[in-house]
Amino acid sequence: MFVQSKEQPGEFRWQPGSVTQAICNGFWVVVEDVDKASPDVQSILLPLLEGASSFITGHGEAIRVHKGF
Protein backbone atom coordinates (compact mmCIF):
# COMPACT_ATOMS: atom_id res chain seq x y z
CA MET A 1 0.00 0.00 0.00
CA PHE A 2 1.29 3.45 -0.86
CA VAL A 3 0.62 6.39 1.44
CA GLN A 4 1.34 10.06 0.94
CA SER A 5 4.51 11.23 2.62
CA LYS A 6 4.06 13.93 5.24
CA GLU A 7 7.66 15.09 4.79
CA GLN A 8 7.47 15.59 1.00
CA PRO A 9 4.13 16.82 -0.40
CA GLY A 10 3.18 14.90 -3.54
CA GLU A 11 5.55 12.03 -2.70
CA PHE A 12 4.30 8.57 -1.80
CA ARG A 13 6.04 5.82 0.13
CA TRP A 14 5.28 2.13 0.52
CA GLN A 15 3.78 0.98 3.81
CA PRO A 16 2.75 -2.59 4.68
CA GLY A 17 -0.98 -3.22 4.37
CA SER A 18 -3.12 -5.18 6.80
CA VAL A 19 -2.42 -8.62 5.29
CA THR A 20 1.33 -7.97 5.15
CA GLN A 21 1.27 -6.85 8.77
CA ALA A 22 -0.65 -10.00 9.73
CA ILE A 23 1.92 -12.18 7.94
CA CYS A 24 4.83 -10.45 9.71
CA ASN A 25 3.27 -10.43 13.18
CA GLY A 26 1.45 -13.77 13.21
CA PHE A 27 -2.05 -12.28 13.29
CA TRP A 28 -5.08 -14.11 11.99
CA VAL A 29 -6.74 -13.10 8.73
CA VAL A 30 -10.36 -14.09 8.09
CA VAL A 31 -11.39 -14.08 4.44
CA GLU A 32 -15.05 -14.63 3.71
CA ASP A 33 -15.88 -16.36 0.41
CA VAL A 34 -12.22 -16.84 -0.55
CA ASP A 35 -13.39 -19.01 -3.44
CA LYS A 36 -14.98 -15.89 -4.96
CA ALA A 37 -11.82 -13.80 -4.64
CA SER A 38 -9.99 -12.72 -7.77
CA PRO A 39 -7.30 -15.07 -9.13
CA ASP A 40 -4.67 -12.50 -8.07
CA VAL A 41 -5.76 -12.69 -4.45
CA GLN A 42 -5.99 -16.48 -4.54
CA SER A 43 -2.49 -16.78 -6.02
CA ILE A 44 -1.11 -14.77 -3.09
CA LEU A 45 -3.04 -16.65 -0.40
CA LEU A 46 -2.50 -20.21 -1.66
CA PRO A 47 1.25 -20.47 -0.88
CA LEU A 48 0.61 -18.97 2.56
CA LEU A 49 -2.11 -21.53 3.25
CA GLU A 50 0.25 -24.29 2.14
CA GLY A 51 2.84 -23.19 4.71
CA ALA A 52 5.21 -20.96 2.76
CA SER A 53 7.97 -19.48 4.95
CA SER A 54 8.40 -16.29 2.92
CA PHE A 55 6.23 -13.89 0.97
CA ILE A 56 7.03 -11.41 -1.80
CA THR A 57 5.04 -8.19 -1.57
CA GLY A 58 3.68 -6.34 -4.58
CA HIS A 59 6.50 -3.90 -3.88
CA GLY A 60 9.02 -6.72 -4.45
CA GLU A 61 10.14 -6.98 -0.84
CA ALA A 62 10.70 -10.47 0.61
CA ILE A 63 9.01 -10.91 3.98
CA ARG A 64 9.43 -13.80 6.36
CA VAL A 65 6.14 -15.35 7.44
CA HIS A 66 5.72 -15.35 11.23
CA LYS A 67 5.52 -18.86 12.67
CA GLY A 68 2.14 -18.05 14.27
CA PHE A 69 0.51 -16.99 10.98
PDB file of N, CA and C in Angstrom:
ATOM      1  N   MET A   1       0.850  -1.155   0.000  1.00  0.00           N
ATOM      2  CA  MET A   1       0.000   0.000   0.000  1.00  0.00           C
ATOM      3  C   MET A   1       0.903   1.227   0.000  1.00  0.00           C
ATOM      4  N   PHE A   2       0.547   2.202  -0.797  1.00  0.00           N
ATOM      5  CA  PHE A   2       1.293   3.447  -0.861  1.00  0.00           C
ATOM      6  C   PHE A   2       0.531   4.526  -0.118  1.00  0.00           C
ATOM      7  N   VAL A   3       1.231   5.283   0.705  1.00  0.00           N
ATOM      8  CA  VAL A   3       0.619   6.389   1.436  1.00  0.00           C
ATOM      9  C   VAL A   3       1.390   7.658   1.137  1.00  0.00           C
ATOM     10  N   GLN A   4       0.702   8.780   1.230  1.00  0.00           N
ATOM     11  CA  GLN A   4       1.345  10.057   0.938  1.00  0.00           C
ATOM     12  C   GLN A   4       2.310  10.400   2.054  1.00  0.00           C
ATOM     13  N   SER A   5       3.481  10.841   1.669  1.00  0.00           N
ATOM     14  CA  SER A   5       4.513  11.229   2.617  1.00  0.00           C
ATOM     15  C   SER A   5       4.150  12.570   3.249  1.00  0.00           C
ATOM     16  N   LYS A   6       4.315  12.662   4.560  1.00  0.00           N
ATOM     17  CA  LYS A   6       4.062  13.928   5.244  1.00  0.00           C
ATOM     18  C   LYS A   6       5.262  14.860   5.122  1.00  0.00           C
ATOM     19  N   GLU A   7       6.445  14.278   4.895  1.00  0.00           N
ATOM     20  CA  GLU A   7       7.657  15.088   4.788  1.00  0.00           C
ATOM     21  C   GLU A   7       7.768  15.773   3.421  1.00  0.00           C
ATOM     22  N   GLN A   8       7.350  15.086   2.366  1.00  0.00           N
ATOM     23  CA  GLN A   8       7.472  15.593   1.004  1.00  0.00           C
ATOM     24  C   GLN A   8       6.101  15.606   0.334  1.00  0.00           C
ATOM     25  N   PRO A   9       5.439  16.763   0.265  1.00  0.00           N
ATOM     26  CA  PRO A   9       4.132  16.819  -0.399  1.00  0.00           C
ATOM     27  C   PRO A   9       4.210  16.292  -1.833  1.00  0.00           C
ATOM     28  N   GLY A  10       3.220  15.477  -2.204  1.00  0.00           N
ATOM     29  CA  GLY A  10       3.177  14.900  -3.543  1.00  0.00           C
ATOM     30  C   GLY A  10       4.008  13.643  -3.700  1.00  0.00           C
ATOM     31  N   GLU A  11       4.728  13.238  -2.655  1.00  0.00           N
ATOM     32  CA  GLU A  11       5.552  12.030  -2.703  1.00  0.00           C
ATOM     33  C   GLU A  11       4.836  10.923  -1.930  1.00  0.00           C
ATOM     34  N   PHE A  12       4.938   9.709  -2.440  1.00  0.00           N
ATOM     35  CA  PHE A  12       4.303   8.574  -1.800  1.00  0.00           C
ATOM     36  C   PHE A  12       5.370   7.572  -1.400  1.00  0.00           C
ATOM     37  N   ARG A  13       5.112   6.862  -0.317  1.00  0.00           N
ATOM     38  CA  ARG A  13       6.042   5.821   0.132  1.00  0.00           C
ATOM     39  C   ARG A  13       5.249   4.556   0.404  1.00  0.00           C
ATOM     40  N   TRP A  14       5.928   3.410   0.286  1.00  0.00           N
ATOM     41  CA  TRP A  14       5.276   2.132   0.515  1.00  0.00           C
ATOM     42  C   TRP A  14       5.172   1.884   2.008  1.00  0.00           C
ATOM     43  N   GLN A  15       4.021   1.348   2.422  1.00  0.00           N
ATOM     44  CA  GLN A  15       3.781   0.978   3.808  1.00  0.00           C
ATOM     45  C   GLN A  15       3.051  -0.355   3.800  1.00  0.00           C
ATOM     46  N   PRO A  16       3.420  -1.290   4.662  1.00  0.00           N
ATOM     47  CA  PRO A  16       2.750  -2.587   4.676  1.00  0.00           C
ATOM     48  C   PRO A  16       1.254  -2.445   4.934  1.00  0.00           C
ATOM     49  N   GLY A  17       0.462  -3.199   4.168  1.00  0.00           N
ATOM     50  CA  GLY A  17      -0.983  -3.219   4.367  1.00  0.00           C
ATOM     51  C   GLY A  17      -1.366  -4.184   5.470  1.00  0.00           C
ATOM     52  N   SER A  18      -2.642  -4.361   5.684  1.00  0.00           N
ATOM     53  CA  SER A  18      -3.118  -5.176   6.804  1.00  0.00           C
ATOM     54  C   SER A  18      -2.740  -6.654   6.669  1.00  0.00           C
ATOM     55  N   VAL A  19      -2.788  -7.207   5.462  1.00  0.00           N
ATOM     56  CA  VAL A  19      -2.418  -8.621   5.287  1.00  0.00           C
ATOM     57  C   VAL A  19      -0.914  -8.799   5.494  1.00  0.00           C
ATOM     58  N   THR A  20      -0.126  -7.890   4.960  1.00  0.00           N
ATOM     59  CA  THR A  20       1.328  -7.970   5.145  1.00  0.00           C
ATOM     60  C   THR A  20       1.683  -7.862   6.617  1.00  0.00           C
ATOM     61  N   GLN A  21       1.027  -6.972   7.340  1.00  0.00           N
ATOM     62  CA  GLN A  21       1.275  -6.847   8.773  1.00  0.00           C
ATOM     63  C   GLN A  21       0.884  -8.123   9.510  1.00  0.00           C
ATOM     64  N   ALA A  22      -0.218  -8.738   9.103  1.00  0.00           N
ATOM     65  CA  ALA A  22      -0.652  -9.996   9.728  1.00  0.00           C
ATOM     66  C   ALA A  22       0.379 -11.098   9.489  1.00  0.00           C
ATOM     67  N   ILE A  23       0.920 -11.165   8.280  1.00  0.00           N
ATOM     68  CA  ILE A  23       1.919 -12.178   7.941  1.00  0.00           C
ATOM     69  C   ILE A  23       3.174 -11.996   8.788  1.00  0.00           C
ATOM     70  N   CYS A  24       3.604 -10.755   8.955  1.00  0.00           N
ATOM     71  CA  CYS A  24       4.829 -10.452   9.712  1.00  0.00           C
ATOM     72  C   CYS A  24       4.672 -10.670  11.211  1.00  0.00           C
ATOM     73  N   ASN A  25       3.477 -10.405  11.732  1.00  0.00           N
ATOM     74  CA  ASN A  25       3.267 -10.432  13.176  1.00  0.00           C
ATOM     75  C   ASN A  25       2.526 -11.657  13.687  1.00  0.00           C
ATOM     76  N   GLY A  26       2.126 -12.550  12.795  1.00  0.00           N
ATOM     77  CA  GLY A  26       1.454 -13.770  13.211  1.00  0.00           C
ATOM     78  C   GLY A  26      -0.009 -13.582  13.562  1.00  0.00           C
ATOM     79  N   PHE A  27      -0.637 -12.524  13.025  1.00  0.00           N
ATOM     80  CA  PHE A  27      -2.053 -12.283  13.292  1.00  0.00           C
ATOM     81  C   PHE A  27      -2.910 -13.158  12.390  1.00  0.00           C
ATOM     82  N   TRP A  28      -4.124 -13.371  12.804  1.00  0.00           N
ATOM     83  CA  TRP A  28      -5.084 -14.110  11.991  1.00  0.00           C
ATOM     84  C   TRP A  28      -5.662 -13.200  10.921  1.00  0.00           C
ATOM     85  N   VAL A  29      -6.023 -13.795   9.795  1.00  0.00           N
ATOM     86  CA  VAL A  29      -6.744 -13.095   8.733  1.00  0.00           C
ATOM     87  C   VAL A  29      -7.947 -13.963   8.390  1.00  0.00           C
ATOM     88  N   VAL A  30      -9.129 -13.370   8.439  1.00  0.00           N
ATOM     89  CA  VAL A  30     -10.356 -14.094   8.095  1.00  0.00           C
ATOM     90  C   VAL A  30     -10.829 -13.561   6.751  1.00  0.00           C
ATOM     91  N   VAL A  31     -10.947 -14.459   5.783  1.00  0.00           N
ATOM     92  CA  VAL A  31     -11.392 -14.077   4.442  1.00  0.00           C
ATOM     93  C   VAL A  31     -12.691 -14.817   4.161  1.00  0.00           C
ATOM     94  N   GLU A  32     -13.745 -14.048   4.010  1.00  0.00           N
ATOM     95  CA  GLU A  32     -15.046 -14.631   3.712  1.00  0.00           C
ATOM     96  C   GLU A  32     -15.157 -14.858   2.209  1.00  0.00           C
ATOM     97  N   ASP A  33     -15.686 -16.009   1.820  1.00  0.00           N
ATOM     98  CA  ASP A  33     -15.878 -16.361   0.408  1.00  0.00           C
ATOM     99  C   ASP A  33     -14.580 -16.280  -0.393  1.00  0.00           C
ATOM    100  N   VAL A  34     -13.516 -16.879   0.128  1.00  0.00           N
ATOM    101  CA  VAL A  34     -12.220 -16.838  -0.551  1.00  0.00           C
ATOM    102  C   VAL A  34     -12.302 -17.462  -1.941  1.00  0.00           C
ATOM    103  N   ASP A  35     -13.238 -18.389  -2.126  1.00  0.00           N
ATOM    104  CA  ASP A  35     -13.394 -19.014  -3.442  1.00  0.00           C
ATOM    105  C   ASP A  35     -13.914 -18.022  -4.486  1.00  0.00           C
ATOM    106  N   LYS A  36     -14.474 -16.914  -4.040  1.00  0.00           N
ATOM    107  CA  LYS A  36     -14.976 -15.894  -4.962  1.00  0.00           C
ATOM    108  C   LYS A  36     -13.982 -14.754  -5.163  1.00  0.00           C
ATOM    109  N   ALA A  37     -12.842 -14.837  -4.498  1.00  0.00           N
ATOM    110  CA  ALA A  37     -11.816 -13.801  -4.636  1.00  0.00           C
ATOM    111  C   ALA A  37     -11.207 -13.868  -6.034  1.00  0.00           C
ATOM    112  N   SER A  38     -10.623 -12.764  -6.451  1.00  0.00           N
ATOM    113  CA  SER A  38      -9.991 -12.723  -7.771  1.00  0.00           C
ATOM    114  C   SER A  38      -8.816 -13.700  -7.816  1.00  0.00           C
ATOM    115  N   PRO A  39      -8.451 -14.166  -9.006  1.00  0.00           N
ATOM    116  CA  PRO A  39      -7.300 -15.066  -9.127  1.00  0.00           C
ATOM    117  C   PRO A  39      -6.011 -14.463  -8.560  1.00  0.00           C
ATOM    118  N   ASP A  40      -5.855 -13.145  -8.638  1.00  0.00           N
ATOM    119  CA  ASP A  40      -4.668 -12.498  -8.073  1.00  0.00           C
ATOM    120  C   ASP A  40      -4.595 -12.708  -6.566  1.00  0.00           C
ATOM    121  N   VAL A  41      -5.710 -12.519  -5.898  1.00  0.00           N
ATOM    122  CA  VAL A  41      -5.757 -12.688  -4.447  1.00  0.00           C
ATOM    123  C   VAL A  41      -5.528 -14.155  -4.085  1.00  0.00           C
ATOM    124  N   GLN A  42      -6.165 -15.054  -4.811  1.00  0.00           N
ATOM    125  CA  GLN A  42      -5.991 -16.481  -4.539  1.00  0.00           C
ATOM    126  C   GLN A  42      -4.548 -16.923  -4.745  1.00  0.00           C
ATOM    127  N   SER A  43      -3.885 -16.377  -5.760  1.00  0.00           N
ATOM    128  CA  SER A  43      -2.491 -16.776  -6.024  1.00  0.00           C
ATOM    129  C   SER A  43      -1.553 -16.303  -4.924  1.00  0.00           C
ATOM    130  N   ILE A  44      -1.922 -15.244  -4.218  1.00  0.00           N
ATOM    131  CA  ILE A  44      -1.113 -14.768  -3.091  1.00  0.00           C
ATOM    132  C   ILE A  44      -1.393 -15.610  -1.849  1.00  0.00           C
ATOM    133  N   LEU A  45      -2.661 -15.927  -1.619  1.00  0.00           N
ATOM    134  CA  LEU A  45      -3.037 -16.647  -0.405  1.00  0.00           C
ATOM    135  C   LEU A  45      -2.664 -18.125  -0.430  1.00  0.00           C
ATOM    136  N   LEU A  46      -2.732 -18.765  -1.585  1.00  0.00           N
ATOM    137  CA  LEU A  46      -2.502 -20.209  -1.660  1.00  0.00           C
ATOM    138  C   LEU A  46      -1.145 -20.638  -1.079  1.00  0.00           C
ATOM    139  N   PRO A  47      -0.023 -20.041  -1.478  1.00  0.00           N
ATOM    140  CA  PRO A  47       1.253 -20.465  -0.880  1.00  0.00           C
ATOM    141  C   PRO A  47       1.284 -20.265   0.638  1.00  0.00           C
ATOM    142  N   LEU A  48       0.640 -19.213   1.117  1.00  0.00           N
ATOM    143  CA  LEU A  48       0.605 -18.974   2.560  1.00  0.00           C
ATOM    144  C   LEU A  48      -0.188 -20.060   3.266  1.00  0.00           C
ATOM    145  N   LEU A  49      -1.299 -20.472   2.667  1.00  0.00           N
ATOM    146  CA  LEU A  49      -2.111 -21.533   3.251  1.00  0.00           C
ATOM    147  C   LEU A  49      -1.411 -22.881   3.218  1.00  0.00           C
ATOM    148  N   GLU A  50      -0.504 -23.040   2.259  1.00  0.00           N
ATOM    149  CA  GLU A  50       0.248 -24.288   2.139  1.00  0.00           C
ATOM    150  C   GLU A  50       1.503 -24.292   3.007  1.00  0.00           C
ATOM    151  N   GLY A  51       1.733 -23.212   3.766  1.00  0.00           N
ATOM    152  CA  GLY A  51       2.840 -23.185   4.714  1.00  0.00           C
ATOM    153  C   GLY A  51       4.110 -22.528   4.218  1.00  0.00           C
ATOM    154  N   ALA A  52       4.022 -21.645   3.254  1.00  0.00           N
ATOM    155  CA  ALA A  52       5.212 -20.957   2.763  1.00  0.00           C
ATOM    156  C   ALA A  52       5.903 -20.212   3.906  1.00  0.00           C
ATOM    157  N   SER A  53       7.230 -20.147   3.877  1.00  0.00           N
ATOM    158  CA  SER A  53       7.971 -19.477   4.945  1.00  0.00           C
ATOM    159  C   SER A  53       8.361 -18.047   4.580  1.00  0.00           C
ATOM    160  N   SER A  54       8.125 -17.665   3.320  1.00  0.00           N
ATOM    161  CA  SER A  54       8.403 -16.288   2.923  1.00  0.00           C
ATOM    162  C   SER A  54       7.328 -15.822   1.940  1.00  0.00           C
ATOM    163  N   PHE A  55       7.277 -14.515   1.759  1.00  0.00           N
ATOM    164  CA  PHE A  55       6.230 -13.892   0.970  1.00  0.00           C
ATOM    165  C   PHE A  55       6.848 -12.701   0.245  1.00  0.00           C
ATOM    166  N   ILE A  56       6.541 -12.549  -1.035  1.00  0.00           N
ATOM    167  CA  ILE A  56       7.031 -11.405  -1.802  1.00  0.00           C
ATOM    168  C   ILE A  56       5.882 -10.417  -1.951  1.00  0.00           C
ATOM    169  N   THR A  57       6.082  -9.208  -1.469  1.00  0.00           N
ATOM    170  CA  THR A  57       5.036  -8.188  -1.565  1.00  0.00           C
ATOM    171  C   THR A  57       4.920  -7.691  -2.995  1.00  0.00           C
ATOM    172  N   GLY A  58       3.856  -6.968  -3.276  1.00  0.00           N
ATOM    173  CA  GLY A  58       3.679  -6.343  -4.577  1.00  0.00           C
ATOM    174  C   GLY A  58       4.741  -5.302  -4.840  1.00  0.00           C
ATOM    175  N   HIS A  59       5.412  -4.872  -3.787  1.00  0.00           N
ATOM    176  CA  HIS A  59       6.499  -3.900  -3.876  1.00  0.00           C
ATOM    177  C   HIS A  59       7.824  -4.601  -4.177  1.00  0.00           C
ATOM    178  N   GLY A  60       7.817  -5.942  -4.155  1.00  0.00           N
ATOM    179  CA  GLY A  60       9.018  -6.717  -4.453  1.00  0.00           C
ATOM    180  C   GLY A  60       9.885  -7.028  -3.251  1.00  0.00           C
ATOM    181  N   GLU A  61       9.386  -6.733  -2.069  1.00  0.00           N
ATOM    182  CA  GLU A  61      10.141  -6.982  -0.843  1.00  0.00           C
ATOM    183  C   GLU A  61       9.842  -8.385  -0.326  1.00  0.00           C
ATOM    184  N   ALA A  62      10.880  -9.132   0.038  1.00  0.00           N
ATOM    185  CA  ALA A  62      10.705 -10.471   0.612  1.00  0.00           C
ATOM    186  C   ALA A  62      10.439 -10.331   2.108  1.00  0.00           C
ATOM    187  N   ILE A  63       9.387 -10.972   2.570  1.00  0.00           N
ATOM    188  CA  ILE A  63       9.008 -10.906   3.977  1.00  0.00           C
ATOM    189  C   ILE A  63       8.923 -12.320   4.524  1.00  0.00           C
ATOM    190  N   ARG A  64       9.487 -12.508   5.690  1.00  0.00           N
ATOM    191  CA  ARG A  64       9.434 -13.799   6.359  1.00  0.00           C
ATOM    192  C   ARG A  64       8.074 -13.943   7.042  1.00  0.00           C
ATOM    193  N   VAL A  65       7.440 -15.092   6.840  1.00  0.00           N
ATOM    194  CA  VAL A  65       6.138 -15.353   7.437  1.00  0.00           C
ATOM    195  C   VAL A  65       6.345 -15.734   8.910  1.00  0.00           C
ATOM    196  N   HIS A  66       5.645 -15.070   9.797  1.00  0.00           N
ATOM    197  CA  HIS A  66       5.723 -15.346  11.228  1.00  0.00           C
ATOM    198  C   HIS A  66       5.242 -16.764  11.492  1.00  0.00           C
ATOM    199  N   LYS A  67       5.882 -17.452  12.415  1.00  0.00           N
ATOM    200  CA  LYS A  67       5.518 -18.857  12.666  1.00  0.00           C
ATOM    201  C   LYS A  67       4.091 -19.011  13.190  1.00  0.00           C
ATOM    202  N   GLY A  68       3.500 -17.969  13.755  1.00  0.00           N
ATOM    203  CA  GLY A  68       2.136 -18.052  14.275  1.00  0.00           C
ATOM    204  C   GLY A  68       1.061 -17.730  13.238  1.00  0.00           C
ATOM    205  N   PHE A  69       1.492 -17.365  12.007  1.00  0.00           N
ATOM    206  CA  PHE A  69       0.507 -16.992  10.983  1.00  0.00           C
ATOM    207  C   PHE A  69      -0.177 -18.214  10.457  1.00  0.00           C
TER     208      PHE A  69
END
